[in-house]
């Protein structure tokens, strides 16, 4: 899944903790802006099962994370 509109404060640990509630995560890929050492506002997440990905999208799309409304999609 793709998580967009993340604030600069969000880390891979935050994503793993929050999105881990919906199933086992196989991989988290959060591109980093090397100049500022912050995320680029986007994160890619791969779950062990498609059902977990669909549950995360259903519960987190247009949800709040660190005070910002995020987009979650396939």
N, C-alpha and C. Protein backbone atom coordinates (compact mmCIF):
# COMPACT_ATOMS: atom_id res chain seq x y z
N UNK A 1 0.84 -1.18 0.00
CA UNK A 1 0.00 0.00 0.00
C UNK A 1 0.89 1.24 0.00
N UNK A 2 0.31 2.37 -0.34
CA UNK A 2 1.01 3.65 -0.37
C UNK A 2 0.35 4.56 0.66
N UNK A 3 1.18 5.17 1.50
CA UNK A 3 0.70 6.13 2.49
C UNK A 3 1.26 7.48 2.10
N UNK A 4 0.36 8.44 1.84
CA UNK A 4 0.80 9.76 1.36
C UNK A 4 0.39 10.86 2.34
N UNK A 5 1.01 12.02 2.16
CA UNK A 5 0.76 13.23 2.96
C UNK A 5 1.23 13.09 4.41
N UNK A 6 2.33 12.37 4.61
CA UNK A 6 2.90 12.23 5.95
C UNK A 6 3.62 13.51 6.35
N UNK A 7 3.57 13.82 7.65
CA UNK A 7 4.34 14.96 8.15
C UNK A 7 5.80 14.53 8.30
N UNK A 8 6.69 15.49 8.44
CA UNK A 8 8.13 15.21 8.54
C UNK A 8 8.50 14.50 9.84
N UNK A 9 7.62 14.51 10.84
CA UNK A 9 7.91 13.88 12.13
C UNK A 9 7.74 12.36 12.12
N UNK A 10 7.00 11.84 11.14
CA UNK A 10 6.67 10.41 11.12
C UNK A 10 7.89 9.59 10.73
N UNK A 11 8.13 8.50 11.47
CA UNK A 11 9.26 7.61 11.19
C UNK A 11 8.75 6.22 10.81
N UNK A 12 9.67 5.36 10.36
CA UNK A 12 9.30 3.98 10.03
C UNK A 12 8.75 3.26 11.26
N UNK A 13 9.28 3.59 12.44
CA UNK A 13 8.80 2.97 13.67
C UNK A 13 7.33 3.33 13.92
N UNK A 14 6.97 4.60 13.67
CA UNK A 14 5.57 5.02 13.82
C UNK A 14 4.67 4.22 12.88
N UNK A 15 5.09 4.14 11.63
CA UNK A 15 4.30 3.43 10.61
C UNK A 15 4.13 1.95 11.01
N UNK A 16 5.22 1.31 11.43
CA UNK A 16 5.16 -0.10 11.81
C UNK A 16 4.22 -0.32 12.99
N UNK A 17 4.28 0.58 13.97
CA UNK A 17 3.44 0.44 15.15
C UNK A 17 1.96 0.63 14.81
N UNK A 18 1.65 1.67 14.05
CA UNK A 18 0.26 1.99 13.74
C UNK A 18 -0.34 1.00 12.75
N UNK A 19 0.36 0.75 11.66
CA UNK A 19 -0.19 -0.12 10.62
C UNK A 19 -0.02 -1.60 10.94
N UNK A 20 0.83 -1.94 11.91
CA UNK A 20 0.99 -3.32 12.35
C UNK A 20 -0.26 -3.87 13.02
N UNK A 21 -1.14 -2.98 13.45
CA UNK A 21 -2.41 -3.40 14.06
C UNK A 21 -3.31 -4.14 13.07
N UNK A 22 -3.08 -3.96 11.78
CA UNK A 22 -3.95 -4.54 10.76
C UNK A 22 -3.41 -5.84 10.18
N UNK A 23 -2.20 -6.24 10.60
CA UNK A 23 -1.63 -7.50 10.12
C UNK A 23 -0.12 -7.44 10.12
N UNK A 24 0.49 -8.58 9.78
CA UNK A 24 1.95 -8.67 9.74
C UNK A 24 2.50 -7.92 8.54
N UNK A 25 3.48 -7.06 8.81
CA UNK A 25 4.10 -6.25 7.76
C UNK A 25 5.35 -6.96 7.27
N UNK A 26 5.45 -7.10 5.95
CA UNK A 26 6.60 -7.74 5.35
C UNK A 26 7.73 -6.73 5.12
N UNK A 27 7.36 -5.49 4.70
CA UNK A 27 8.38 -4.50 4.38
C UNK A 27 7.83 -3.09 4.52
N UNK A 28 8.66 -2.17 5.03
CA UNK A 28 8.35 -0.75 5.09
C UNK A 28 9.43 -0.02 4.31
N UNK A 29 9.04 0.80 3.33
CA UNK A 29 10.00 1.58 2.56
C UNK A 29 9.59 3.04 2.65
N UNK A 30 10.38 3.82 3.39
CA UNK A 30 10.09 5.24 3.55
C UNK A 30 11.28 6.03 2.99
N UNK A 31 11.16 6.56 1.76
CA UNK A 31 12.26 7.32 1.18
C UNK A 31 12.60 8.54 2.04
N UNK A 32 13.91 8.77 2.19
CA UNK A 32 14.39 9.86 3.05
C UNK A 32 15.00 10.97 2.20
N UNK A 33 14.69 12.22 2.58
CA UNK A 33 15.33 13.38 1.98
C UNK A 33 16.68 13.53 2.67
N UNK A 34 17.77 13.19 1.97
CA UNK A 34 19.09 13.16 2.60
C UNK A 34 19.56 14.55 3.06
N UNK A 35 19.12 15.58 2.38
CA UNK A 35 19.54 16.93 2.74
C UNK A 35 19.03 17.33 4.12
N UNK A 36 17.79 16.96 4.44
CA UNK A 36 17.19 17.35 5.71
C UNK A 36 17.01 16.18 6.67
N UNK A 37 17.33 14.95 6.22
CA UNK A 37 17.19 13.73 7.01
C UNK A 37 15.76 13.54 7.52
N UNK A 38 14.78 13.83 6.66
CA UNK A 38 13.37 13.63 6.99
C UNK A 38 12.73 12.77 5.90
N UNK A 39 11.54 12.25 6.18
CA UNK A 39 10.85 11.49 5.13
C UNK A 39 10.37 12.44 4.04
N UNK A 40 10.02 11.88 2.90
CA UNK A 40 9.56 12.68 1.76
C UNK A 40 8.04 12.80 1.71
N UNK A 41 7.37 12.43 2.80
CA UNK A 41 5.92 12.55 2.85
C UNK A 41 5.18 11.35 2.30
N UNK A 42 5.93 10.29 1.98
CA UNK A 42 5.31 9.09 1.40
C UNK A 42 5.97 7.85 2.00
N UNK A 43 5.21 6.77 2.06
CA UNK A 43 5.73 5.51 2.57
C UNK A 43 5.06 4.36 1.82
N UNK A 44 5.84 3.32 1.54
CA UNK A 44 5.33 2.13 0.88
C UNK A 44 5.37 0.99 1.89
N UNK A 45 4.28 0.24 1.95
CA UNK A 45 4.14 -0.81 2.95
C UNK A 45 3.66 -2.08 2.27
N UNK A 46 4.30 -3.20 2.58
CA UNK A 46 3.86 -4.49 2.04
C UNK A 46 3.47 -5.38 3.21
N UNK A 47 2.23 -5.86 3.17
CA UNK A 47 1.72 -6.78 4.19
C UNK A 47 1.93 -8.22 3.76
N UNK A 48 1.89 -9.14 4.73
CA UNK A 48 1.98 -10.57 4.43
C UNK A 48 0.74 -11.04 3.67
N UNK A 49 -0.44 -10.44 3.98
CA UNK A 49 -1.66 -10.90 3.32
C UNK A 49 -2.44 -9.72 2.72
N UNK A 50 -3.10 -9.94 1.59
CA UNK A 50 -3.93 -8.89 0.98
C UNK A 50 -5.04 -8.41 1.90
N UNK A 51 -5.59 -9.30 2.73
CA UNK A 51 -6.68 -8.92 3.64
C UNK A 51 -6.20 -7.85 4.63
N UNK A 52 -4.96 -7.96 5.08
CA UNK A 52 -4.40 -6.97 5.99
C UNK A 52 -4.28 -5.62 5.30
N UNK A 53 -3.84 -5.62 4.05
CA UNK A 53 -3.71 -4.37 3.29
C UNK A 53 -5.07 -3.71 3.12
N UNK A 54 -6.09 -4.49 2.80
CA UNK A 54 -7.43 -3.93 2.62
C UNK A 54 -7.98 -3.38 3.94
N UNK A 55 -7.70 -4.07 5.04
CA UNK A 55 -8.16 -3.59 6.35
C UNK A 55 -7.48 -2.26 6.70
N UNK A 56 -6.19 -2.16 6.43
CA UNK A 56 -5.47 -0.92 6.72
C UNK A 56 -6.01 0.24 5.89
N UNK A 57 -6.29 -0.02 4.63
CA UNK A 57 -6.84 1.03 3.76
C UNK A 57 -8.22 1.44 4.27
N UNK A 58 -9.06 0.46 4.60
CA UNK A 58 -10.42 0.76 5.06
C UNK A 58 -10.42 1.60 6.33
N UNK A 59 -9.48 1.34 7.23
CA UNK A 59 -9.47 2.04 8.52
C UNK A 59 -8.66 3.33 8.51
N UNK A 60 -7.62 3.42 7.68
CA UNK A 60 -6.69 4.55 7.78
C UNK A 60 -6.81 5.58 6.68
N UNK A 61 -7.47 5.26 5.55
CA UNK A 61 -7.60 6.26 4.47
C UNK A 61 -8.34 7.47 4.99
N UNK A 62 -7.78 8.64 4.76
CA UNK A 62 -8.29 9.92 5.24
C UNK A 62 -8.35 9.99 6.76
N UNK A 63 -7.51 9.18 7.41
CA UNK A 63 -7.39 9.23 8.87
C UNK A 63 -6.35 10.26 9.28
N UNK A 64 -6.23 10.47 10.58
CA UNK A 64 -5.28 11.44 11.12
C UNK A 64 -4.02 10.72 11.60
N UNK A 65 -2.87 11.28 11.23
CA UNK A 65 -1.59 10.78 11.72
C UNK A 65 -0.70 11.98 11.96
N UNK A 66 -0.31 12.20 13.18
CA UNK A 66 0.52 13.35 13.57
C UNK A 66 -0.14 14.67 13.18
N UNK A 67 -1.48 14.72 13.29
CA UNK A 67 -2.21 15.95 13.03
C UNK A 67 -2.52 16.24 11.57
N UNK A 68 -2.09 15.34 10.68
CA UNK A 68 -2.35 15.54 9.25
C UNK A 68 -3.28 14.43 8.73
N UNK A 69 -4.10 14.77 7.76
CA UNK A 69 -4.97 13.78 7.12
C UNK A 69 -4.16 13.06 6.05
N UNK A 70 -4.07 11.74 6.16
CA UNK A 70 -3.26 10.95 5.24
C UNK A 70 -4.12 10.24 4.20
N UNK A 71 -3.51 9.92 3.07
CA UNK A 71 -4.15 9.11 2.04
C UNK A 71 -3.51 7.74 2.06
N UNK A 72 -4.32 6.69 2.05
CA UNK A 72 -3.82 5.32 2.03
C UNK A 72 -4.51 4.60 0.88
N UNK A 73 -3.71 4.02 -0.02
CA UNK A 73 -4.28 3.34 -1.20
C UNK A 73 -3.35 2.21 -1.64
N UNK A 74 -3.83 1.46 -2.63
CA UNK A 74 -3.01 0.37 -3.21
C UNK A 74 -2.09 0.98 -4.25
